[in-house]
């Protein structure tokens, strides 16, 4: 077993130990199909929790989106996101001719699944903020990729914004039924519908 694989198993174990990392599947099974998982965003720990809640065979083909400036700011964070999570790095401070979705598009063309947070930044409110346009652009460009909403619960109490040491507490990730971009559906209509699909999962468990 290679070091990144062993480290990934250890990290998943630690995440489950701290949070429980319970995955609940409603409307779709945990199946090895190309997917975009989109969820609410309240902590740096969000994508670790969602990743740990996936079955092991899905983790190797599911890549989180990571801000390059933050997740490559130290050798350890860079190694973890590159070698364990195989993260797709995006640049938050970019030039006018740089499309932030290019790395995501390339990953999808390669056949990978993605974990994204359409709010674009972490929030403190009970409900996610308005979704940005990236999810719509990906859905439009890759109509055959399943779009799976997910609700991450309690993770803000594990790793609050500004904190660096996680606090043990039970967390869950609820995965919902896939949604799809409808023919001629307007961008804002789709994004609002996607946001409602995430919020609706809060009441499932």
N, C-alpha and C. Protein backbone atom coordinates (compact mmCIF):
# COMPACT_ATOMS: atom_id res chain seq x y z
N UNK A 1 0.85 -1.19 0.00
CA UNK A 1 0.00 0.00 0.00
C UNK A 1 0.89 1.25 0.00
N UNK A 2 0.61 2.17 -0.91
CA UNK A 2 1.40 3.38 -1.01
C UNK A 2 1.04 4.35 0.11
N UNK A 3 1.99 5.25 0.40
CA UNK A 3 1.80 6.20 1.51
C UNK A 3 0.53 7.04 1.36
N UNK A 4 0.24 7.66 0.20
CA UNK A 4 -0.99 8.45 0.09
C UNK A 4 -2.26 7.64 0.37
N UNK A 5 -2.27 6.37 -0.11
CA UNK A 5 -3.44 5.52 0.13
C UNK A 5 -3.59 5.21 1.61
N UNK A 6 -2.47 4.88 2.27
CA UNK A 6 -2.52 4.60 3.71
C UNK A 6 -2.92 5.85 4.49
N UNK A 7 -2.38 7.00 4.09
CA UNK A 7 -2.73 8.24 4.77
C UNK A 7 -4.19 8.58 4.57
N UNK A 8 -4.73 8.27 3.38
CA UNK A 8 -6.14 8.51 3.12
C UNK A 8 -7.04 7.67 4.00
N UNK A 9 -6.68 6.40 4.17
CA UNK A 9 -7.46 5.52 5.04
C UNK A 9 -7.41 6.01 6.49
N UNK A 10 -6.22 6.47 6.91
CA UNK A 10 -6.08 6.99 8.27
C UNK A 10 -6.90 8.26 8.45
N UNK A 11 -6.85 9.15 7.45
CA UNK A 11 -7.60 10.40 7.54
C UNK A 11 -9.10 10.14 7.57
N UNK A 12 -9.56 9.19 6.76
CA UNK A 12 -10.98 8.84 6.77
C UNK A 12 -11.38 8.28 8.13
N UNK A 13 -10.50 7.45 8.72
CA UNK A 13 -10.77 6.90 10.04
C UNK A 13 -10.85 8.00 11.09
N UNK A 14 -9.92 8.95 11.04
CA UNK A 14 -9.92 10.05 12.01
C UNK A 14 -11.16 10.91 11.84
N UNK A 15 -11.53 11.20 10.59
CA UNK A 15 -12.72 12.01 10.34
C UNK A 15 -13.97 11.32 10.87
N UNK A 16 -14.04 10.01 10.66
CA UNK A 16 -15.19 9.26 11.18
C UNK A 16 -15.18 9.21 12.70
N UNK A 17 -13.96 9.12 13.28
CA UNK A 17 -13.84 9.07 14.73
C UNK A 17 -14.30 10.38 15.36
N UNK A 18 -13.92 11.50 14.75
CA UNK A 18 -14.26 12.82 15.30
C UNK A 18 -15.72 13.16 15.07
N UNK A 19 -16.22 12.84 13.88
CA UNK A 19 -17.54 13.34 13.48
C UNK A 19 -18.60 12.27 13.31
N UNK A 20 -18.18 11.01 13.23
CA UNK A 20 -19.13 9.97 12.87
C UNK A 20 -19.24 9.82 11.36
N UNK A 21 -19.15 10.94 10.64
CA UNK A 21 -19.17 10.96 9.17
C UNK A 21 -20.21 10.02 8.60
N UNK A 22 -21.42 10.12 9.10
CA UNK A 22 -22.49 9.24 8.66
C UNK A 22 -23.08 9.72 7.33
N UNK A 23 -23.11 8.84 6.35
CA UNK A 23 -23.72 9.15 5.07
C UNK A 23 -25.09 8.53 4.95
N UNK A 24 -26.10 9.33 4.64
CA UNK A 24 -27.47 8.85 4.45
C UNK A 24 -27.85 9.10 2.99
N UNK A 25 -28.29 8.06 2.31
CA UNK A 25 -28.58 8.14 0.88
C UNK A 25 -30.09 8.05 0.66
N UNK A 26 -30.66 9.12 0.09
CA UNK A 26 -32.09 9.18 -0.21
C UNK A 26 -32.25 9.56 -1.68
N UNK A 27 -32.89 8.69 -2.44
CA UNK A 27 -33.14 9.01 -3.84
C UNK A 27 -32.05 8.60 -4.79
N UNK A 28 -30.90 8.17 -4.26
CA UNK A 28 -29.82 7.66 -5.11
C UNK A 28 -28.93 6.77 -4.26
N UNK A 29 -28.40 5.71 -4.85
CA UNK A 29 -27.49 4.82 -4.11
C UNK A 29 -26.05 5.33 -4.23
N UNK A 30 -25.16 4.90 -3.34
CA UNK A 30 -23.74 5.24 -3.48
C UNK A 30 -23.13 4.39 -4.60
N UNK A 31 -23.22 4.88 -5.81
CA UNK A 31 -22.86 4.11 -7.00
C UNK A 31 -21.72 4.78 -7.74
N UNK A 32 -20.87 3.96 -8.34
CA UNK A 32 -19.69 4.47 -9.06
C UNK A 32 -20.09 5.00 -10.43
N UNK A 33 -20.82 6.10 -10.43
CA UNK A 33 -21.17 6.83 -11.65
C UNK A 33 -20.57 8.23 -11.56
N UNK A 34 -20.30 8.81 -12.72
CA UNK A 34 -19.74 10.16 -12.69
C UNK A 34 -20.78 11.15 -12.17
N UNK A 35 -20.40 11.89 -11.13
CA UNK A 35 -21.35 12.76 -10.45
C UNK A 35 -20.70 14.08 -10.06
N UNK A 36 -21.55 15.08 -9.86
CA UNK A 36 -21.16 16.32 -9.20
C UNK A 36 -21.99 16.39 -7.92
N UNK A 37 -21.33 16.26 -6.79
CA UNK A 37 -22.00 16.43 -5.50
C UNK A 37 -21.92 17.91 -5.13
N UNK A 38 -23.06 18.53 -4.85
CA UNK A 38 -23.05 19.94 -4.48
C UNK A 38 -23.77 20.10 -3.14
N UNK A 39 -23.17 20.90 -2.26
CA UNK A 39 -23.63 20.93 -0.87
C UNK A 39 -23.52 22.32 -0.27
N UNK A 40 -24.11 22.47 0.91
CA UNK A 40 -23.94 23.69 1.69
C UNK A 40 -22.51 23.76 2.22
N UNK A 41 -22.08 24.98 2.60
CA UNK A 41 -20.66 25.19 2.92
C UNK A 41 -20.53 26.07 4.15
N UNK A 42 -20.04 25.48 5.27
CA UNK A 42 -19.91 26.24 6.50
C UNK A 42 -18.55 26.10 7.16
N UNK A 43 -17.66 25.26 6.60
CA UNK A 43 -16.39 25.00 7.26
C UNK A 43 -15.36 24.47 6.27
N UNK A 44 -14.08 24.67 6.59
CA UNK A 44 -13.02 24.04 5.79
C UNK A 44 -13.10 22.52 5.86
N UNK A 45 -13.79 22.00 6.86
CA UNK A 45 -13.88 20.56 7.07
C UNK A 45 -14.97 19.92 6.22
N UNK A 46 -15.76 20.74 5.51
CA UNK A 46 -16.92 20.23 4.77
C UNK A 46 -16.54 19.12 3.79
N UNK A 47 -15.57 19.40 2.93
CA UNK A 47 -15.29 18.41 1.90
C UNK A 47 -14.58 17.19 2.46
N UNK A 48 -13.87 17.34 3.59
CA UNK A 48 -13.29 16.17 4.24
C UNK A 48 -14.40 15.26 4.77
N UNK A 49 -15.41 15.87 5.38
CA UNK A 49 -16.52 15.11 5.93
C UNK A 49 -17.29 14.40 4.81
N UNK A 50 -17.60 15.12 3.74
CA UNK A 50 -18.35 14.52 2.64
C UNK A 50 -17.54 13.37 2.02
N UNK A 51 -16.26 13.59 1.83
CA UNK A 51 -15.38 12.56 1.27
C UNK A 51 -15.35 11.33 2.17
N UNK A 52 -15.23 11.54 3.49
CA UNK A 52 -15.17 10.42 4.43
C UNK A 52 -16.49 9.67 4.50
N UNK A 53 -17.60 10.36 4.20
CA UNK A 53 -18.92 9.72 4.23
C UNK A 53 -19.17 8.84 3.01
N UNK A 54 -18.37 9.01 1.95
CA UNK A 54 -18.51 8.18 0.76
C UNK A 54 -17.92 6.80 1.00
N UNK A 55 -18.46 5.77 0.36
CA UNK A 55 -17.81 4.46 0.39
C UNK A 55 -16.39 4.57 -0.17
N UNK A 56 -15.52 3.69 0.28
CA UNK A 56 -14.11 3.78 -0.09
C UNK A 56 -13.90 3.74 -1.60
N UNK A 57 -14.69 2.95 -2.32
CA UNK A 57 -14.47 2.83 -3.76
C UNK A 57 -14.85 4.10 -4.51
N UNK A 58 -15.67 4.97 -3.90
CA UNK A 58 -16.03 6.21 -4.55
C UNK A 58 -15.05 7.34 -4.26
N UNK A 59 -14.31 7.23 -3.17
CA UNK A 59 -13.38 8.30 -2.80
C UNK A 59 -12.29 8.49 -3.85
N UNK A 60 -11.81 7.39 -4.42
CA UNK A 60 -10.69 7.48 -5.36
C UNK A 60 -11.07 8.16 -6.67
N UNK A 61 -12.36 8.26 -6.96
CA UNK A 61 -12.79 8.88 -8.22
C UNK A 61 -13.55 10.18 -7.99
N UNK A 62 -13.59 10.65 -6.73
CA UNK A 62 -14.32 11.86 -6.39
C UNK A 62 -13.34 12.91 -5.88
N UNK A 63 -13.28 14.04 -6.57
CA UNK A 63 -12.28 15.06 -6.29
C UNK A 63 -12.93 16.33 -5.75
N UNK A 64 -12.42 16.86 -4.64
CA UNK A 64 -12.94 18.13 -4.13
C UNK A 64 -12.32 19.31 -4.86
N UNK A 65 -12.99 20.43 -4.79
CA UNK A 65 -12.46 21.68 -5.32
C UNK A 65 -11.77 22.41 -4.17
N UNK A 66 -10.54 22.84 -4.37
CA UNK A 66 -9.77 23.47 -3.31
C UNK A 66 -9.17 24.79 -3.80
N UNK A 67 -9.27 25.82 -2.96
CA UNK A 67 -8.68 27.12 -3.30
C UNK A 67 -7.15 26.99 -3.27
N UNK A 68 -6.53 27.30 -4.40
CA UNK A 68 -5.08 27.09 -4.52
C UNK A 68 -4.30 27.89 -3.50
N UNK A 69 -4.69 29.15 -3.26
CA UNK A 69 -3.90 29.99 -2.38
C UNK A 69 -3.90 29.46 -0.94
N UNK A 70 -5.03 28.89 -0.49
CA UNK A 70 -5.11 28.39 0.88
C UNK A 70 -4.52 26.99 1.01
N UNK A 71 -4.89 26.10 0.10
CA UNK A 71 -4.52 24.69 0.26
C UNK A 71 -3.14 24.35 -0.26
N UNK A 72 -2.42 25.31 -0.82
CA UNK A 72 -1.01 25.09 -1.17
C UNK A 72 -0.11 26.03 -0.38
N UNK A 73 -0.64 26.64 0.67
CA UNK A 73 0.12 27.64 1.44
C UNK A 73 1.16 27.01 2.36
N UNK A 74 1.08 25.70 2.58
CA UNK A 74 2.09 25.00 3.36
C UNK A 74 2.36 23.66 2.70
N UNK A 75 3.56 23.10 2.86
CA UNK A 75 3.86 21.80 2.24
C UNK A 75 2.91 20.70 2.68
N UNK A 76 2.49 20.71 3.95
CA UNK A 76 1.61 19.65 4.44
C UNK A 76 0.23 19.74 3.79
N UNK A 77 -0.38 20.94 3.79
CA UNK A 77 -1.70 21.09 3.17
C UNK A 77 -1.64 20.76 1.68
N UNK A 78 -0.54 21.17 1.03
CA UNK A 78 -0.40 20.89 -0.39
C UNK A 78 -0.30 19.38 -0.63
N UNK A 79 0.46 18.70 0.19
CA UNK A 79 0.63 17.24 0.01
C UNK A 79 -0.69 16.53 0.26
N UNK A 80 -1.40 16.91 1.32
CA UNK A 80 -2.68 16.25 1.65
C UNK A 80 -3.68 16.42 0.52
N UNK A 81 -3.84 17.64 0.04
CA UNK A 81 -4.85 17.87 -1.00
C UNK A 81 -4.43 17.28 -2.35
N UNK A 82 -3.14 17.26 -2.62
CA UNK A 82 -2.67 16.71 -3.90
C UNK A 82 -2.63 15.20 -3.90
N UNK A 83 -2.03 14.60 -2.86
CA UNK A 83 -1.76 13.17 -2.86
C UNK A 83 -2.91 12.33 -2.31
N UNK A 84 -3.61 12.83 -1.29
CA UNK A 84 -4.69 12.06 -0.69
C UNK A 84 -6.02 12.32 -1.40
N UNK A 85 -6.36 13.61 -1.57
CA UNK A 85 -7.67 13.95 -2.11
C UNK A 85 -7.67 14.16 -3.63
N UNK A 86 -6.47 14.28 -4.23
CA UNK A 86 -6.40 14.56 -5.67
C UNK A 86 -7.29 15.76 -6.01
N UNK A 87 -7.16 16.82 -5.22
CA UNK A 87 -8.02 17.98 -5.35
C UNK A 87 -7.84 18.69 -6.69
N UNK A 88 -8.91 19.33 -7.11
CA UNK A 88 -8.86 20.22 -8.27
C UNK A 88 -8.64 21.63 -7.73
N UNK A 89 -7.50 22.21 -8.02
CA UNK A 89 -7.19 23.53 -7.51
C UNK A 89 -7.81 24.62 -8.39
N UNK A 90 -8.40 25.60 -7.73
CA UNK A 90 -8.93 26.76 -8.45
C UNK A 90 -8.28 28.01 -7.88
N UNK A 91 -8.12 29.00 -8.73
CA UNK A 91 -7.47 30.25 -8.34
C UNK A 91 -8.53 31.29 -8.05
N UNK A 92 -8.53 31.81 -6.83
CA UNK A 92 -9.52 32.82 -6.47
C UNK A 92 -9.14 34.20 -7.00
N UNK A 93 -7.85 34.48 -7.07
CA UNK A 93 -7.38 35.73 -7.64
C UNK A 93 -6.83 35.43 -9.02
N UNK A 94 -7.59 35.78 -10.05
CA UNK A 94 -7.24 35.36 -11.40
C UNK A 94 -7.22 36.56 -12.34
N UNK A 95 -6.63 36.33 -13.49
CA UNK A 95 -6.59 37.36 -14.52
C UNK A 95 -7.91 37.38 -15.27
N UNK A 96 -8.14 38.45 -16.02
CA UNK A 96 -9.41 38.62 -16.72
C UNK A 96 -9.66 37.53 -17.76
N UNK A 97 -8.59 36.98 -18.33
CA UNK A 97 -8.77 35.98 -19.39
C UNK A 97 -8.72 34.55 -18.86
N UNK A 98 -8.75 34.39 -17.55
CA UNK A 98 -8.69 33.06 -16.94
C UNK A 98 -10.07 32.63 -16.48
N UNK A 99 -10.53 31.50 -16.97
CA UNK A 99 -11.83 30.96 -16.59
C UNK A 99 -11.65 30.05 -15.38
N UNK A 100 -12.26 30.39 -14.23
CA UNK A 100 -12.07 29.57 -13.03
C UNK A 100 -12.63 28.17 -13.16
N UNK A 101 -13.52 27.95 -14.14
CA UNK A 101 -14.11 26.63 -14.32
C UNK A 101 -13.26 25.69 -15.17
N UNK A 102 -12.21 26.20 -15.78
CA UNK A 102 -11.39 25.35 -16.67
C UNK A 102 -10.87 24.10 -15.97
N UNK A 103 -10.31 24.19 -14.74
CA UNK A 103 -9.83 22.96 -14.09
C UNK A 103 -10.95 21.96 -13.79
N UNK A 104 -12.15 22.48 -13.48
CA UNK A 104 -13.29 21.59 -13.21
C UNK A 104 -13.73 20.90 -14.49
N UNK A 105 -13.78 21.67 -15.59
CA UNK A 105 -14.17 21.11 -16.88
C UNK A 105 -13.19 20.01 -17.29
N UNK A 106 -11.90 20.24 -17.08
CA UNK A 106 -10.89 19.26 -17.45
C UNK A 106 -11.05 17.99 -16.62
N UNK A 107 -11.34 18.13 -15.33
CA UNK A 107 -11.55 16.95 -14.48
C UNK A 107 -12.76 16.15 -14.94
N UNK A 108 -13.84 16.84 -15.31
CA UNK A 108 -15.04 16.15 -15.78
C UNK A 108 -14.78 15.47 -17.13
N UNK A 109 -14.03 16.12 -18.00
CA UNK A 109 -13.69 15.49 -19.27
C UNK A 109 -12.85 14.23 -19.04
N UNK A 110 -12.09 14.22 -17.94
CA UNK A 110 -11.25 13.08 -17.61
C UNK A 110 -12.06 11.93 -17.02
N UNK A 111 -13.34 12.20 -16.65
CA UNK A 111 -14.21 11.17 -16.10
C UNK A 111 -14.33 11.19 -14.58
N UNK A 112 -13.73 12.19 -13.95
CA UNK A 112 -13.79 12.27 -12.49
C UNK A 112 -15.14 12.78 -12.02
N UNK A 113 -15.48 12.46 -10.76
CA UNK A 113 -16.59 13.10 -10.07
C UNK A 113 -16.05 14.25 -9.24
N UNK A 114 -16.92 15.20 -8.90
CA UNK A 114 -16.48 16.40 -8.19
C UNK A 114 -17.35 16.66 -6.96
N UNK A 115 -16.76 17.33 -5.97
CA UNK A 115 -17.48 17.89 -4.84
C UNK A 115 -17.35 19.40 -4.92
N UNK A 116 -18.47 20.11 -5.04
CA UNK A 116 -18.41 21.56 -5.14
C UNK A 116 -19.37 22.19 -4.14
N UNK A 117 -19.11 23.45 -3.84
CA UNK A 117 -19.95 24.23 -2.94
C UNK A 117 -20.39 25.49 -3.68
N UNK A 118 -21.61 25.46 -4.24
CA UNK A 118 -22.04 26.53 -5.16
C UNK A 118 -22.17 27.91 -4.53
N UNK A 119 -22.17 28.00 -3.19
CA UNK A 119 -22.20 29.32 -2.57
C UNK A 119 -20.91 30.09 -2.86
N UNK A 120 -19.82 29.35 -3.05
CA UNK A 120 -18.56 29.99 -3.37
C UNK A 120 -17.72 30.35 -2.15
N UNK A 121 -18.33 30.48 -1.00
CA UNK A 121 -17.61 30.79 0.23
C UNK A 121 -18.40 30.25 1.41
N UNK A 122 -17.74 30.13 2.55
CA UNK A 122 -18.41 29.62 3.73
C UNK A 122 -19.37 30.65 4.31
N UNK A 123 -20.47 30.16 4.89
CA UNK A 123 -21.45 31.05 5.47
C UNK A 123 -21.79 30.66 6.89
N UNK A 124 -22.51 31.53 7.58
CA UNK A 124 -22.91 31.28 8.97
C UNK A 124 -24.41 31.12 9.12
N UNK A 125 -25.17 31.43 8.08
CA UNK A 125 -26.63 31.40 8.17
C UNK A 125 -27.14 29.96 8.22
N UNK A 126 -28.39 29.82 8.68
CA UNK A 126 -29.00 28.49 8.77
C UNK A 126 -29.18 27.86 7.39
N UNK A 127 -29.39 28.69 6.37
CA UNK A 127 -29.58 28.21 5.01
C UNK A 127 -28.44 28.72 4.13
N UNK A 128 -28.07 27.98 3.09
CA UNK A 128 -27.00 28.43 2.20
C UNK A 128 -27.36 29.70 1.47
N UNK A 129 -26.33 30.47 1.15
CA UNK A 129 -26.53 31.70 0.38
C UNK A 129 -26.89 31.34 -1.06
N UNK A 130 -27.27 32.35 -1.81
CA UNK A 130 -27.62 32.16 -3.22
C UNK A 130 -26.47 31.48 -3.96
N UNK A 131 -26.82 30.51 -4.81
CA UNK A 131 -25.80 29.77 -5.54
C UNK A 131 -25.24 30.62 -6.68
N UNK A 132 -23.94 30.51 -6.89
CA UNK A 132 -23.28 31.18 -8.01
C UNK A 132 -23.41 30.33 -9.27
N UNK A 133 -22.97 30.90 -10.37
CA UNK A 133 -23.32 30.35 -11.68
C UNK A 133 -22.53 29.11 -12.09
N UNK A 134 -21.47 28.76 -11.35
CA UNK A 134 -20.63 27.65 -11.78
C UNK A 134 -21.36 26.33 -11.95
N UNK A 135 -22.26 26.01 -11.04
CA UNK A 135 -23.00 24.75 -11.14
C UNK A 135 -23.82 24.70 -12.41
N UNK A 136 -24.43 25.82 -12.77
CA UNK A 136 -25.22 25.88 -14.01
C UNK A 136 -24.33 25.63 -15.23
N UNK A 137 -23.16 26.26 -15.25
CA UNK A 137 -22.26 26.10 -16.39
C UNK A 137 -21.80 24.66 -16.53
N UNK A 138 -21.51 24.00 -15.41
CA UNK A 138 -21.09 22.59 -15.46
C UNK A 138 -22.23 21.69 -15.90
N UNK A 139 -23.43 21.95 -15.39
CA UNK A 139 -24.60 21.15 -15.78
C UNK A 139 -24.89 21.31 -17.27
N UNK A 140 -24.71 22.51 -17.78
CA UNK A 140 -24.96 22.78 -19.19
C UNK A 140 -23.91 22.09 -20.07
N UNK A 141 -22.65 22.11 -19.63
CA UNK A 141 -21.56 21.55 -20.43
C UNK A 141 -21.50 20.03 -20.36
N UNK A 142 -22.00 19.46 -19.25
CA UNK A 142 -21.91 18.00 -19.05
C UNK A 142 -23.29 17.47 -18.64
N UNK A 143 -24.22 17.41 -19.56
CA UNK A 143 -25.60 17.02 -19.23
C UNK A 143 -25.74 15.57 -18.77
N UNK A 144 -24.75 14.72 -19.07
CA UNK A 144 -24.84 13.31 -18.69
C UNK A 144 -24.27 13.02 -17.30
N UNK A 145 -23.66 14.02 -16.68
CA UNK A 145 -23.12 13.84 -15.33
C UNK A 145 -24.23 14.08 -14.31
N UNK A 146 -24.41 13.14 -13.39
CA UNK A 146 -25.46 13.28 -12.38
C UNK A 146 -25.14 14.42 -11.41
N UNK A 147 -26.17 15.18 -11.06
CA UNK A 147 -26.04 16.27 -10.10
C UNK A 147 -26.71 15.84 -8.80
N UNK A 148 -25.91 15.61 -7.76
CA UNK A 148 -26.41 15.05 -6.50
C UNK A 148 -26.36 16.12 -5.40
N UNK A 149 -27.51 16.58 -4.91
CA UNK A 149 -27.51 17.53 -3.79
C UNK A 149 -27.13 16.82 -2.49
N UNK A 150 -26.51 17.55 -1.59
CA UNK A 150 -26.13 16.98 -0.29
C UNK A 150 -26.25 18.05 0.78
N UNK A 151 -26.70 17.63 1.96
CA UNK A 151 -26.79 18.53 3.12
C UNK A 151 -25.81 18.04 4.18
N UNK A 152 -24.88 18.90 4.56
CA UNK A 152 -23.89 18.60 5.60
C UNK A 152 -24.37 19.23 6.89
N UNK A 153 -24.55 18.40 7.91
CA UNK A 153 -25.13 18.88 9.17
C UNK A 153 -24.14 18.82 10.31
N UNK A 154 -24.07 19.90 11.07
CA UNK A 154 -23.29 20.00 12.31
C UNK A 154 -21.80 20.27 12.11
N UNK A 155 -21.30 20.27 10.87
CA UNK A 155 -19.86 20.40 10.70
C UNK A 155 -19.35 21.76 11.15
N UNK A 156 -20.22 22.80 11.12
CA UNK A 156 -19.78 24.11 11.59
C UNK A 156 -19.42 24.10 13.06
N UNK A 157 -19.96 23.12 13.81
CA UNK A 157 -19.64 23.00 15.23
C UNK A 157 -18.36 22.21 15.44
N UNK A 158 -17.97 21.42 14.43
CA UNK A 158 -16.71 20.67 14.51
C UNK A 158 -15.54 21.58 14.20
N UNK A 159 -15.66 22.35 13.13
CA UNK A 159 -14.57 23.21 12.68
C UNK A 159 -15.12 24.59 12.33
N UNK A 160 -15.45 25.41 13.33
CA UNK A 160 -15.99 26.74 13.07
C UNK A 160 -15.00 27.58 12.29
N UNK A 161 -15.50 28.56 11.58
CA UNK A 161 -14.65 29.45 10.82
C UNK A 161 -13.68 30.15 11.76
N UNK A 162 -12.40 30.09 11.43
CA UNK A 162 -11.39 30.72 12.26
C UNK A 162 -10.71 29.77 13.23
N UNK A 163 -11.26 28.55 13.40
CA UNK A 163 -10.68 27.58 14.32
C UNK A 163 -9.79 26.59 13.55
N UNK A 164 -8.83 26.00 14.24
CA UNK A 164 -7.91 25.06 13.59
C UNK A 164 -7.93 23.68 14.24
N UNK A 165 -8.56 23.54 15.41
CA UNK A 165 -8.61 22.26 16.10
C UNK A 165 -10.06 21.75 16.09
N UNK A 166 -10.32 20.59 15.48
CA UNK A 166 -11.69 20.08 15.43
C UNK A 166 -12.20 19.64 16.80
N UNK A 167 -13.51 19.77 16.99
CA UNK A 167 -14.17 19.37 18.22
C UNK A 167 -15.02 18.14 17.92
N UNK A 168 -14.85 17.03 18.65
CA UNK A 168 -15.64 15.82 18.35
C UNK A 168 -17.14 16.07 18.52
N UNK A 169 -17.90 15.76 17.49
CA UNK A 169 -19.36 15.89 17.54
C UNK A 169 -19.94 15.10 16.36
N UNK A 170 -21.12 14.54 16.53
CA UNK A 170 -21.72 13.71 15.50
C UNK A 170 -22.20 14.57 14.32
N UNK A 171 -21.78 14.20 13.11
CA UNK A 171 -22.16 14.92 11.89
C UNK A 171 -22.76 13.93 10.89
N UNK A 172 -23.56 14.46 9.99
CA UNK A 172 -24.15 13.63 8.94
C UNK A 172 -24.05 14.33 7.60
N UNK A 173 -24.02 13.52 6.57
CA UNK A 173 -24.13 14.01 5.19
C UNK A 173 -25.31 13.27 4.57
N UNK A 174 -26.31 14.03 4.14
CA UNK A 174 -27.50 13.44 3.52
C UNK A 174 -27.45 13.70 2.02
N UNK A 175 -27.44 12.63 1.24
CA UNK A 175 -27.39 12.72 -0.22
C UNK A 175 -28.80 12.53 -0.77
N UNK A 176 -29.20 13.43 -1.67
CA UNK A 176 -30.55 13.38 -2.21
C UNK A 176 -30.63 12.82 -3.61
N UNK A 177 -31.83 12.86 -4.16
CA UNK A 177 -32.06 12.40 -5.53
C UNK A 177 -31.40 13.34 -6.52
N UNK A 178 -30.90 12.83 -7.62
CA UNK A 178 -30.26 13.69 -8.61
C UNK A 178 -31.25 14.66 -9.24
N UNK A 179 -30.74 15.83 -9.59
CA UNK A 179 -31.52 16.79 -10.36
C UNK A 179 -30.85 16.96 -11.71
N UNK A 180 -31.54 17.57 -12.65
CA UNK A 180 -30.98 17.77 -13.99
C UNK A 180 -31.42 19.13 -14.51
N UNK A 181 -30.58 19.72 -15.32
CA UNK A 181 -30.92 20.97 -15.99
C UNK A 181 -31.98 20.69 -17.05
N UNK A 182 -33.09 21.38 -16.97
CA UNK A 182 -34.18 21.17 -17.91
C UNK A 182 -33.92 21.93 -19.22
N UNK A 183 -34.47 21.46 -20.34
CA UNK A 183 -34.30 22.18 -21.60
C UNK A 183 -34.79 23.62 -21.49
N UNK A 184 -33.95 24.54 -21.90
CA UNK A 184 -34.27 25.97 -21.93
C UNK A 184 -34.50 26.56 -20.53
N UNK A 185 -34.08 25.84 -19.49
CA UNK A 185 -34.23 26.38 -18.13
C UNK A 185 -33.25 27.52 -17.91
N UNK A 186 -33.74 28.64 -17.41
CA UNK A 186 -32.89 29.79 -17.17
C UNK A 186 -31.94 29.53 -16.01
N UNK A 187 -30.81 30.23 -16.05
CA UNK A 187 -29.75 30.01 -15.07
C UNK A 187 -30.23 30.20 -13.63
N UNK A 188 -30.85 31.32 -13.34
CA UNK A 188 -31.26 31.60 -11.97
C UNK A 188 -32.36 30.64 -11.51
N UNK A 189 -33.23 30.27 -12.40
CA UNK A 189 -34.28 29.30 -12.06
C UNK A 189 -33.66 27.98 -11.65
N UNK A 190 -32.68 27.52 -12.43
CA UNK A 190 -32.00 26.26 -12.11
C UNK A 190 -31.24 26.36 -10.79
N UNK A 191 -30.49 27.44 -10.59
CA UNK A 191 -29.69 27.58 -9.38
C UNK A 191 -30.55 27.66 -8.13
N UNK A 192 -31.69 28.35 -8.23
CA UNK A 192 -32.60 28.40 -7.09
C UNK A 192 -33.21 27.03 -6.80
N UNK A 193 -33.50 26.28 -7.85
CA UNK A 193 -34.05 24.94 -7.67
C UNK A 193 -32.99 24.02 -7.05
N UNK A 194 -31.75 24.14 -7.48
CA UNK A 194 -30.66 23.34 -6.91
C UNK A 194 -30.47 23.67 -5.42
N UNK A 195 -30.55 24.95 -5.10
CA UNK A 195 -30.40 25.36 -3.69
C UNK A 195 -31.54 24.79 -2.85
N UNK A 196 -32.74 24.82 -3.37
CA UNK A 196 -33.88 24.26 -2.62
C UNK A 196 -33.72 22.76 -2.42
N UNK A 197 -33.13 22.08 -3.39
CA UNK A 197 -32.91 20.63 -3.27
C UNK A 197 -31.95 20.32 -2.12
N UNK A 198 -30.95 21.18 -1.93
CA UNK A 198 -30.03 21.02 -0.80
C UNK A 198 -30.73 21.29 0.52
N UNK A 199 -31.46 22.40 0.58
CA UNK A 199 -32.14 22.79 1.83
C UNK A 199 -33.16 21.74 2.24
N UNK A 200 -33.85 21.15 1.27
CA UNK A 200 -34.88 20.15 1.59
C UNK A 200 -34.32 18.94 2.32
N UNK A 201 -33.05 18.64 2.12
CA UNK A 201 -32.45 17.48 2.76
C UNK A 201 -32.19 17.70 4.24
N UNK A 202 -32.23 18.95 4.67
CA UNK A 202 -32.02 19.26 6.09
C UNK A 202 -33.10 18.61 6.95
N UNK A 203 -34.29 18.41 6.40
CA UNK A 203 -35.42 17.90 7.16
C UNK A 203 -35.59 16.39 7.03
N UNK A 204 -34.72 15.74 6.25
CA UNK A 204 -34.90 14.32 5.98
C UNK A 204 -34.54 13.47 7.19
N UNK A 205 -33.39 13.79 7.81
CA UNK A 205 -32.91 12.96 8.94
C UNK A 205 -33.31 13.61 10.25
